[in-house]
Amino acid sequence: MAGPDAKPCYLITDGRGGPVSRLADTVEGVQLDMAAQLLAHADDMLPNAPGGEVRFLAGCLTEALRDVLRVAESRRRQAAAPGGEREPLP
């Protein structure tokens, strides 16, 4: 998620896995799954895709990569925090 001025915002929890934390995990899981599906689609499509479709795909891949990097950064910060062990995504 992004806050004002498109700056990233992070969920800080006490490690007990409350409802907001579970929702964040679900959203992150969806973002990672979407990125994997989009990448598979790109692999199938790219060899014969017209220019307009390639540009659209590039935009979608950029958005997915941004989401995946945000998830990774959030997980890195969480792990670096004292007692910040977080359960892996299902």
PDB file of N, CA and C in Angstrom:
ATOM      1  N   MET A   1       0.834  -1.167   0.000  1.00  0.00           N
ATOM      2  CA  MET A   1       0.000   0.000   0.000  1.00  0.00           C
ATOM      3  C   MET A   1       0.886   1.239   0.000  1.00  0.00           C
ATOM      4  N   ALA A   2       0.318   2.307  -0.465  1.00  0.00           N
ATOM      5  CA  ALA A   2       1.054   3.563  -0.486  1.00  0.00           C
ATOM      6  C   ALA A   2       0.237   4.619   0.236  1.00  0.00           C
ATOM      7  N   GLY A   3       0.939   5.496   0.910  1.00  0.00           N
ATOM      8  CA  GLY A   3       0.293   6.584   1.619  1.00  0.00           C
ATOM      9  C   GLY A   3       0.374   7.860   0.795  1.00  0.00           C
ATOM     10  N   PRO A   4       0.261   9.011   1.461  1.00  0.00           N
ATOM     11  CA  PRO A   4       0.349  10.282   0.759  1.00  0.00           C
ATOM     12  C   PRO A   4       1.665  10.393  -0.020  1.00  0.00           C
ATOM     13  N   ASP A   5       1.616  11.046  -1.131  1.00  0.00           N
ATOM     14  CA  ASP A   5       2.795  11.236  -1.985  1.00  0.00           C
ATOM     15  C   ASP A   5       3.378   9.912  -2.468  1.00  0.00           C
ATOM     16  N   ALA A   6       2.559   8.867  -2.525  1.00  0.00           N
ATOM     17  CA  ALA A   6       2.957   7.535  -3.005  1.00  0.00           C
ATOM     18  C   ALA A   6       4.086   6.927  -2.175  1.00  0.00           C
ATOM     19  N   LYS A   7       4.242   7.382  -0.948  1.00  0.00           N
ATOM     20  CA  LYS A   7       5.251   6.798  -0.065  1.00  0.00           C
ATOM     21  C   LYS A   7       4.693   5.498   0.497  1.00  0.00           C
ATOM     22  N   PRO A   8       5.547   4.461   0.615  1.00  0.00           N
ATOM     23  CA  PRO A   8       5.044   3.183   1.130  1.00  0.00           C
ATOM     24  C   PRO A   8       4.640   3.292   2.592  1.00  0.00           C
ATOM     25  N   CYS A   9       3.638   2.526   2.971  1.00  0.00           N
ATOM     26  CA  CYS A   9       3.264   2.442   4.380  1.00  0.00           C
ATOM     27  C   CYS A   9       3.330   0.972   4.774  1.00  0.00           C
ATOM     28  N   TYR A  10       3.715   0.718   6.000  1.00  0.00           N
ATOM     29  CA  TYR A  10       3.931  -0.639   6.467  1.00  0.00           C
ATOM     30  C   TYR A  10       3.090  -0.892   7.701  1.00  0.00           C
ATOM     31  N   LEU A  11       2.645  -2.132   7.838  1.00  0.00           N
ATOM     32  CA  LEU A  11       1.875  -2.556   8.988  1.00  0.00           C
ATOM     33  C   LEU A  11       2.850  -3.031  10.064  1.00  0.00           C
ATOM     34  N   ILE A  12       2.747  -2.442  11.238  1.00  0.00           N
ATOM     35  CA  ILE A  12       3.579  -2.858  12.363  1.00  0.00           C
ATOM     36  C   ILE A  12       2.662  -3.578  13.338  1.00  0.00           C
ATOM     37  N   THR A  13       3.021  -4.814  13.644  1.00  0.00           N
ATOM     38  CA  THR A  13       2.171  -5.614  14.526  1.00  0.00           C
ATOM     39  C   THR A  13       2.949  -6.051  15.749  1.00  0.00           C
ATOM     40  N   ASP A  14       2.224  -6.642  16.675  1.00  0.00           N
ATOM     41  CA  ASP A  14       2.866  -7.185  17.864  1.00  0.00           C
ATOM     42  C   ASP A  14       3.190  -8.666  17.684  1.00  0.00           C
ATOM     43  N   GLY A  15       2.995  -9.184  16.462  1.00  0.00           N
ATOM     44  CA  GLY A  15       3.342 -10.566  16.173  1.00  0.00           C
ATOM     45  C   GLY A  15       2.280 -11.578  16.538  1.00  0.00           C
ATOM     46  N   ARG A  16       1.108 -11.122  16.960  1.00  0.00           N
ATOM     47  CA  ARG A  16       0.064 -12.055  17.366  1.00  0.00           C
ATOM     48  C   ARG A  16      -0.876 -12.443  16.227  1.00  0.00           C
ATOM     49  N   GLY A  17      -0.708 -11.856  15.058  1.00  0.00           N
ATOM     50  CA  GLY A  17      -1.528 -12.246  13.915  1.00  0.00           C
ATOM     51  C   GLY A  17      -2.965 -11.813  14.014  1.00  0.00           C
ATOM     52  N   GLY A  18      -3.197 -10.547  14.311  1.00  0.00           N
ATOM     53  CA  GLY A  18      -4.551 -10.026  14.395  1.00  0.00           C
ATOM     54  C   GLY A  18      -5.221  -9.935  13.039  1.00  0.00           C
ATOM     55  N   PRO A  19      -6.464  -9.445  12.997  1.00  0.00           N
ATOM     56  CA  PRO A  19      -7.217  -9.408  11.741  1.00  0.00           C
ATOM     57  C   PRO A  19      -6.586  -8.534  10.663  1.00  0.00           C
ATOM     58  N   VAL A  20      -6.002  -7.425  11.024  1.00  0.00           N
ATOM     59  CA  VAL A  20      -5.375  -6.560  10.019  1.00  0.00           C
ATOM     60  C   VAL A  20      -4.124  -7.229   9.469  1.00  0.00           C
ATOM     61  N   SER A  21      -3.377  -7.876  10.338  1.00  0.00           N
ATOM     62  CA  SER A  21      -2.186  -8.602   9.901  1.00  0.00           C
ATOM     63  C   SER A  21      -2.560  -9.745   8.963  1.00  0.00           C
ATOM     64  N   ARG A  22      -3.624 -10.481   9.289  1.00  0.00           N
ATOM     65  CA  ARG A  22      -4.074 -11.575   8.424  1.00  0.00           C
ATOM     66  C   ARG A  22      -4.551 -11.032   7.078  1.00  0.00           C
ATOM     67  N   LEU A  23      -5.242  -9.898   7.089  1.00  0.00           N
ATOM     68  CA  LEU A  23      -5.681  -9.280   5.845  1.00  0.00           C
ATOM     69  C   LEU A  23      -4.478  -8.865   5.002  1.00  0.00           C
ATOM     70  N   ALA A  24      -3.476  -8.288   5.642  1.00  0.00           N
ATOM     71  CA  ALA A  24      -2.257  -7.895   4.923  1.00  0.00           C
ATOM     72  C   ALA A  24      -1.587  -9.113   4.309  1.00  0.00           C
ATOM     73  N   ASP A  25      -1.530 -10.213   5.051  1.00  0.00           N
ATOM     74  CA  ASP A  25      -0.944 -11.442   4.514  1.00  0.00           C
ATOM     75  C   ASP A  25      -1.734 -11.939   3.308  1.00  0.00           C
ATOM     76  N   THR A  26      -3.058 -11.852   3.392  1.00  0.00           N
ATOM     77  CA  THR A  26      -3.907 -12.282   2.275  1.00  0.00           C
ATOM     78  C   THR A  26      -3.666 -11.420   1.051  1.00  0.00           C
ATOM     79  N   VAL A  27      -3.628 -10.108   1.236  1.00  0.00           N
ATOM     80  CA  VAL A  27      -3.391  -9.189   0.118  1.00  0.00           C
ATOM     81  C   VAL A  27      -2.020  -9.454  -0.496  1.00  0.00           C
ATOM     82  N   GLU A  28      -1.013  -9.635   0.345  1.00  0.00           N
ATOM     83  CA  GLU A  28       0.324  -9.937  -0.170  1.00  0.00           C
ATOM     84  C   GLU A  28       0.326 -11.240  -0.964  1.00  0.00           C
ATOM     85  N   GLY A  29      -0.362 -12.239  -0.464  1.00  0.00           N
ATOM     86  CA  GLY A  29      -0.455 -13.510  -1.169  1.00  0.00           C
ATOM     87  C   GLY A  29      -1.107 -13.361  -2.530  1.00  0.00           C
ATOM     88  N   VAL A  30      -2.179 -12.569  -2.587  1.00  0.00           N
ATOM     89  CA  VAL A  30      -2.862 -12.309  -3.861  1.00  0.00           C
ATOM     90  C   VAL A  30      -1.922 -11.579  -4.820  1.00  0.00           C
ATOM     91  N   GLN A  31      -1.195 -10.580  -4.319  1.00  0.00           N
ATOM     92  CA  GLN A  31      -0.270  -9.832  -5.175  1.00  0.00           C
ATOM     93  C   GLN A  31       0.814 -10.754  -5.737  1.00  0.00           C
ATOM     94  N   LEU A  32       1.355 -11.631  -4.918  1.00  0.00           N
ATOM     95  CA  LEU A  32       2.396 -12.539  -5.385  1.00  0.00           C
ATOM     96  C   LEU A  32       1.836 -13.549  -6.389  1.00  0.00           C
ATOM     97  N   ASP A  33       0.638 -14.062  -6.127  1.00  0.00           N
ATOM     98  CA  ASP A  33       0.008 -14.989  -7.073  1.00  0.00           C
ATOM     99  C   ASP A  33      -0.271 -14.309  -8.409  1.00  0.00           C
ATOM    100  N   MET A  34      -0.767 -13.073  -8.363  1.00  0.00           N
ATOM    101  CA  MET A  34      -1.045 -12.342  -9.598  1.00  0.00           C
ATOM    102  C   MET A  34       0.235 -12.114 -10.387  1.00  0.00           C
ATOM    103  N   ALA A  35       1.320 -11.791  -9.689  1.00  0.00           N
ATOM    104  CA  ALA A  35       2.600 -11.579 -10.369  1.00  0.00           C
ATOM    105  C   ALA A  35       3.066 -12.864 -11.045  1.00  0.00           C
ATOM    106  N   ALA A  36       2.917 -13.995 -10.377  1.00  0.00           N
ATOM    107  CA  ALA A  36       3.328 -15.271 -10.961  1.00  0.00           C
ATOM    108  C   ALA A  36       2.485 -15.605 -12.190  1.00  0.00           C
ATOM    109  N   GLN A  37       1.177 -15.371 -12.108  1.00  0.00           N
ATOM    110  CA  GLN A  37       0.300 -15.636 -13.249  1.00  0.00           C
ATOM    111  C   GLN A  37       0.619 -14.710 -14.413  1.00  0.00           C
ATOM    112  N   LEU A  38       0.886 -13.458 -14.119  1.00  0.00           N
ATOM    113  CA  LEU A  38       1.220 -12.493 -15.161  1.00  0.00           C
ATOM    114  C   LEU A  38       2.528 -12.861 -15.844  1.00  0.00           C
ATOM    115  N   LEU A  39       3.490 -13.304 -15.069  1.00  0.00           N
ATOM    116  CA  LEU A  39       4.764 -13.723 -15.639  1.00  0.00           C
ATOM    117  C   LEU A  39       4.572 -14.931 -16.558  1.00  0.00           C
ATOM    118  N   ALA A  40       3.765 -15.887 -16.139  1.00  0.00           N
ATOM    119  CA  ALA A  40       3.484 -17.056 -16.987  1.00  0.00           C
ATOM    120  C   ALA A  40       2.793 -16.622 -18.278  1.00  0.00           C
ATOM    121  N   HIS A  41       1.865 -15.681 -18.174  1.00  0.00           N
ATOM    122  CA  HIS A  41       1.174 -15.159 -19.351  1.00  0.00           C
ATOM    123  C   HIS A  41       2.177 -14.477 -20.288  1.00  0.00           C
ATOM    124  N   ALA A  42       3.086 -13.709 -19.718  1.00  0.00           N
ATOM    125  CA  ALA A  42       4.100 -13.020 -20.529  1.00  0.00           C
ATOM    126  C   ALA A  42       4.977 -14.023 -21.253  1.00  0.00           C
ATOM    127  N   ASP A  43       5.362 -15.086 -20.572  1.00  0.00           N
ATOM    128  CA  ASP A  43       6.184 -16.120 -21.213  1.00  0.00           C
ATOM    129  C   ASP A  43       5.484 -16.711 -22.435  1.00  0.00           C
ATOM    130  N   ASP A  44       4.176 -16.936 -22.312  1.00  0.00           N
ATOM    131  CA  ASP A  44       3.407 -17.509 -23.423  1.00  0.00           C
ATOM    132  C   ASP A  44       3.179 -16.504 -24.551  1.00  0.00           C
ATOM    133  N   MET A  45       2.977 -15.252 -24.197  1.00  0.00           N
ATOM    134  CA  MET A  45       2.541 -14.252 -25.151  1.00  0.00           C
ATOM    135  C   MET A  45       3.670 -13.570 -25.922  1.00  0.00           C
ATOM    136  N   LEU A  46       4.783 -13.336 -25.291  1.00  0.00           N
ATOM    137  CA  LEU A  46       5.817 -12.475 -25.860  1.00  0.00           C
ATOM    138  C   LEU A  46       6.371 -12.887 -27.223  1.00  0.00           C
ATOM    139  N   PRO A  47       6.567 -14.152 -27.509  1.00  0.00           N
ATOM    140  CA  PRO A  47       7.178 -14.473 -28.803  1.00  0.00           C
ATOM    141  C   PRO A  47       6.407 -13.945 -30.018  1.00  0.00           C
ATOM    142  N   ASN A  48       5.095 -13.827 -29.943  1.00  0.00           N
ATOM    143  CA  ASN A  48       4.306 -13.426 -31.114  1.00  0.00           C
ATOM    144  C   ASN A  48       3.409 -12.225 -30.865  1.00  0.00           C
ATOM    145  N   ALA A  49       3.641 -11.481 -29.805  1.00  0.00           N
ATOM    146  CA  ALA A  49       2.732 -10.401 -29.429  1.00  0.00           C
ATOM    147  C   ALA A  49       2.946  -9.146 -30.270  1.00  0.00           C
ATOM    148  N   PRO A  50       1.827  -8.491 -30.675  1.00  0.00           N
ATOM    149  CA  PRO A  50       1.942  -7.196 -31.342  1.00  0.00           C
ATOM    150  C   PRO A  50       2.428  -6.123 -30.362  1.00  0.00           C
ATOM    151  N   GLY A  51       2.952  -5.034 -30.898  1.00  0.00           N
ATOM    152  CA  GLY A  51       3.538  -3.964 -30.084  1.00  0.00           C
ATOM    153  C   GLY A  51       2.631  -3.409 -29.006  1.00  0.00           C
ATOM    154  N   GLY A  52       1.357  -3.175 -29.341  1.00  0.00           N
ATOM    155  CA  GLY A  52       0.429  -2.617 -28.349  1.00  0.00           C
ATOM    156  C   GLY A  52       0.230  -3.546 -27.169  1.00  0.00           C
ATOM    157  N   GLU A  53       0.157  -4.828 -27.441  1.00  0.00           N
ATOM    158  CA  GLU A  53      -0.011  -5.798 -26.360  1.00  0.00           C
ATOM    159  C   GLU A  53       1.249  -5.891 -25.508  1.00  0.00           C
ATOM    160  N   VAL A  54       2.404  -5.746 -26.138  1.00  0.00           N
ATOM    161  CA  VAL A  54       3.653  -5.786 -25.385  1.00  0.00           C
ATOM    162  C   VAL A  54       3.737  -4.577 -24.444  1.00  0.00           C
ATOM    163  N   ARG A  55       3.329  -3.411 -24.926  1.00  0.00           N
ATOM    164  CA  ARG A  55       3.350  -2.211 -24.069  1.00  0.00           C
ATOM    165  C   ARG A  55       2.391  -2.382 -22.893  1.00  0.00           C
ATOM    166  N   PHE A  56       1.195  -2.918 -23.150  1.00  0.00           N
ATOM    167  CA  PHE A  56       0.232  -3.149 -22.072  1.00  0.00           C
ATOM    168  C   PHE A  56       0.802  -4.148 -21.069  1.00  0.00           C
ATOM    169  N   LEU A  57       1.378  -5.227 -21.580  1.00  0.00           N
ATOM    170  CA  LEU A  57       1.975  -6.237 -20.722  1.00  0.00           C
ATOM    171  C   LEU A  57       3.110  -5.642 -19.895  1.00  0.00           C
ATOM    172  N   ALA A  58       3.924  -4.803 -20.507  1.00  0.00           N
ATOM    173  CA  ALA A  58       5.026  -4.161 -19.774  1.00  0.00           C
ATOM    174  C   ALA A  58       4.490  -3.324 -18.616  1.00  0.00           C
ATOM    175  N   GLY A  59       3.393  -2.620 -18.839  1.00  0.00           N
ATOM    176  CA  GLY A  59       2.781  -1.837 -17.766  1.00  0.00           C
ATOM    177  C   GLY A  59       2.278  -2.722 -16.634  1.00  0.00           C
ATOM    178  N   CYS A  60       1.629  -3.829 -16.994  1.00  0.00           N
ATOM    179  CA  CYS A  60       1.132  -4.769 -15.984  1.00  0.00           C
ATOM    180  C   CYS A  60       2.277  -5.410 -15.213  1.00  0.00           C
ATOM    181  N   LEU A  61       3.328  -5.791 -15.917  1.00  0.00           N
ATOM    182  CA  LEU A  61       4.487  -6.394 -15.257  1.00  0.00           C
ATOM    183  C   LEU A  61       5.171  -5.404 -14.322  1.00  0.00           C
ATOM    184  N   THR A  62       5.228  -4.144 -14.734  1.00  0.00           N
ATOM    185  CA  THR A  62       5.833  -3.108 -13.890  1.00  0.00           C
ATOM    186  C   THR A  62       5.041  -2.959 -12.597  1.00  0.00           C
ATOM    187  N   GLU A  63       3.723  -2.932 -12.708  1.00  0.00           N
ATOM    188  CA  GLU A  63       2.876  -2.816 -11.520  1.00  0.00           C
ATOM    189  C   GLU A  63       3.043  -4.033 -10.610  1.00  0.00           C
ATOM    190  N   ALA A  64       3.076  -5.221 -11.196  1.00  0.00           N
ATOM    191  CA  ALA A  64       3.243  -6.439 -10.404  1.00  0.00           C
ATOM    192  C   ALA A  64       4.606  -6.466  -9.715  1.00  0.00           C
ATOM    193  N   LEU A  65       5.642  -6.062 -10.433  1.00  0.00           N
ATOM    194  CA  LEU A  65       6.974  -6.027  -9.840  1.00  0.00           C
ATOM    195  C   LEU A  65       7.022  -5.029  -8.690  1.00  0.00           C
ATOM    196  N   ARG A  66       6.377  -3.897  -8.848  1.00  0.00           N
ATOM    197  CA  ARG A  66       6.320  -2.903  -7.773  1.00  0.00           C
ATOM    198  C   ARG A  66       5.659  -3.513  -6.530  1.00  0.00           C
ATOM    199  N   ASP A  67       4.552  -4.249  -6.726  1.00  0.00           N
ATOM    200  CA  ASP A  67       3.876  -4.895  -5.598  1.00  0.00           C
ATOM    201  C   ASP A  67       4.767  -5.937  -4.932  1.00  0.00           C
ATOM    202  N   VAL A  68       5.430  -6.757  -5.731  1.00  0.00           N
ATOM    203  CA  VAL A  68       6.295  -7.808  -5.188  1.00  0.00           C
ATOM    204  C   VAL A  68       7.454  -7.190  -4.409  1.00  0.00           C
ATOM    205  N   LEU A  69       8.028  -6.128  -4.934  1.00  0.00           N
ATOM    206  CA  LEU A  69       9.111  -5.458  -4.210  1.00  0.00           C
ATOM    207  C   LEU A  69       8.617  -4.851  -2.905  1.00  0.00           C
ATOM    208  N   ARG A  70       7.398  -4.317  -2.901  1.00  0.00           N
ATOM    209  CA  ARG A  70       6.827  -3.757  -1.676  1.00  0.00           C
ATOM    210  C   ARG A  70       6.639  -4.865  -0.639  1.00  0.00           C
ATOM    211  N   VAL A  71       6.147  -6.036  -1.073  1.00  0.00           N
ATOM    212  CA  VAL A  71       5.991  -7.168  -0.160  1.00  0.00           C
ATOM    213  C   VAL A  71       7.356  -7.583   0.391  1.00  0.00           C
ATOM    214  N   ALA A  72       8.341  -7.703  -0.476  1.00  0.00           N
ATOM    215  CA  ALA A  72       9.681  -8.111  -0.036  1.00  0.00           C
ATOM    216  C   ALA A  72      10.270  -7.106   0.945  1.00  0.00           C
ATOM    217  N   GLU A  73      10.126  -5.831   0.663  1.00  0.00           N
ATOM    218  CA  GLU A  73      10.657  -4.801   1.560  1.00  0.00           C
ATOM    219  C   GLU A  73       9.943  -4.852   2.911  1.00  0.00           C
ATOM    220  N   SER A  74       8.642  -5.035   2.884  1.00  0.00           N
ATOM    221  CA  SER A  74       7.880  -5.130   4.123  1.00  0.00           C
ATOM    222  C   SER A  74       8.340  -6.327   4.938  1.00  0.00           C
ATOM    223  N   ARG A  75       8.526  -7.466   4.276  1.00  0.00           N
ATOM    224  CA  ARG A  75       8.985  -8.674   4.973  1.00  0.00           C
ATOM    225  C   ARG A  75      10.400  -8.485   5.521  1.00  0.00           C
ATOM    226  N   ARG A  76      11.260  -7.804   4.763  1.00  0.00           N
ATOM    227  CA  ARG A  76      12.629  -7.559   5.224  1.00  0.00           C
ATOM    228  C   ARG A  76      12.614  -6.689   6.473  1.00  0.00           C
ATOM    229  N   ARG A  77      11.808  -5.629   6.447  1.00  0.00           N
ATOM    230  CA  ARG A  77      11.716  -4.746   7.621  1.00  0.00           C
ATOM    231  C   ARG A  77      11.145  -5.495   8.822  1.00  0.00           C
ATOM    232  N   GLN A  78      10.146  -6.338   8.565  1.00  0.00           N
ATOM    233  CA  GLN A  78       9.520  -7.096   9.642  1.00  0.00           C
ATOM    234  C   GLN A  78      10.536  -8.038  10.283  1.00  0.00           C
ATOM    235  N   ALA A  79      11.315  -8.718   9.462  1.00  0.00           N
ATOM    236  CA  ALA A  79      12.300  -9.665   9.973  1.00  0.00           C
ATOM    237  C   ALA A  79      13.424  -8.956  10.714  1.00  0.00           C
ATOM    238  N   ALA A  80      13.731  -7.720  10.320  1.00  0.00           N
ATOM    239  CA  ALA A  80      14.817  -6.973  10.958  1.00  0.00           C
ATOM    240  C   ALA A  80      14.400  -6.378  12.298  1.00  0.00           C
ATOM    241  N   ALA A  81      13.090  -6.249  12.520  1.00  0.00           N
ATOM    242  CA  ALA A  81      12.605  -5.671  13.769  1.00  0.00           C
ATOM    243  C   ALA A  81      12.819  -6.663  14.911  1.00  0.00           C
ATOM    244  N   PRO A  82      13.069  -6.157  16.120  1.00  0.00           N
ATOM    245  CA  PRO A  82      13.242  -7.060  17.263  1.00  0.00           C
ATOM    246  C   PRO A  82      12.005  -7.936  17.434  1.00  0.00           C
ATOM    247  N   GLY A  83      12.217  -9.238  17.502  1.00  0.00           N
ATOM    248  CA  GLY A  83      11.100 -10.164  17.652  1.00  0.00           C
ATOM    249  C   GLY A  83      10.177 -10.170  16.456  1.00  0.00           C
ATOM    250  N   GLY A  84      10.706  -9.762  15.297  1.00  0.00           N
ATOM    251  CA  GLY A  84       9.879  -9.569  14.117  1.00  0.00           C
ATOM    252  C   GLY A  84       9.662 -10.799  13.272  1.00  0.00           C
ATOM    253  N   GLU A  85       9.813 -11.962  13.825  1.00  0.00           N
ATOM    254  CA  GLU A  85       9.569 -13.168  13.036  1.00  0.00           C
ATOM    255  C   GLU A  85       8.122 -13.182  12.605  1.00  0.00           C
ATOM    256  N   ARG A  86       7.910 -13.405  11.336  1.00  0.00           N
ATOM    257  CA  ARG A  86       6.570 -13.404  10.777  1.00  0.00           C
ATOM    258  C   ARG A  86       6.323 -14.747  10.108  1.00  0.00           C
ATOM    259  N   GLU A  87       5.119 -15.235  10.256  1.00  0.00           N
ATOM    260  CA  GLU A  87       4.768 -16.508   9.640  1.00  0.00           C
ATOM    261  C   GLU A  87       4.856 -16.377   8.119  1.00  0.00           C
ATOM    262  N   PRO A  88       5.350 -17.411   7.438  1.00  0.00           N
ATOM    263  CA  PRO A  88       5.405 -17.355   5.972  1.00  0.00           C
ATOM    264  C   PRO A  88       4.007 -17.379   5.386  1.00  0.00           C
ATOM    265  N   LEU A  89       3.865 -16.820   4.179  1.00  0.00           N
ATOM    266  CA  LEU A  89       2.586 -16.860   3.484  1.00  0.00           C
ATOM    267  C   LEU A  89       2.259 -18.302   3.128  1.00  0.00           C
ATOM    268  N   PRO A  90       0.954 -18.636   3.146  1.00  0.00           N
ATOM    269  CA  PRO A  90       0.572 -19.998   2.772  1.00  0.00           C
ATOM    270  C   PRO A  90       0.826 -20.260   1.312  1.00  0.00           C
TER     271      PRO A  90
END
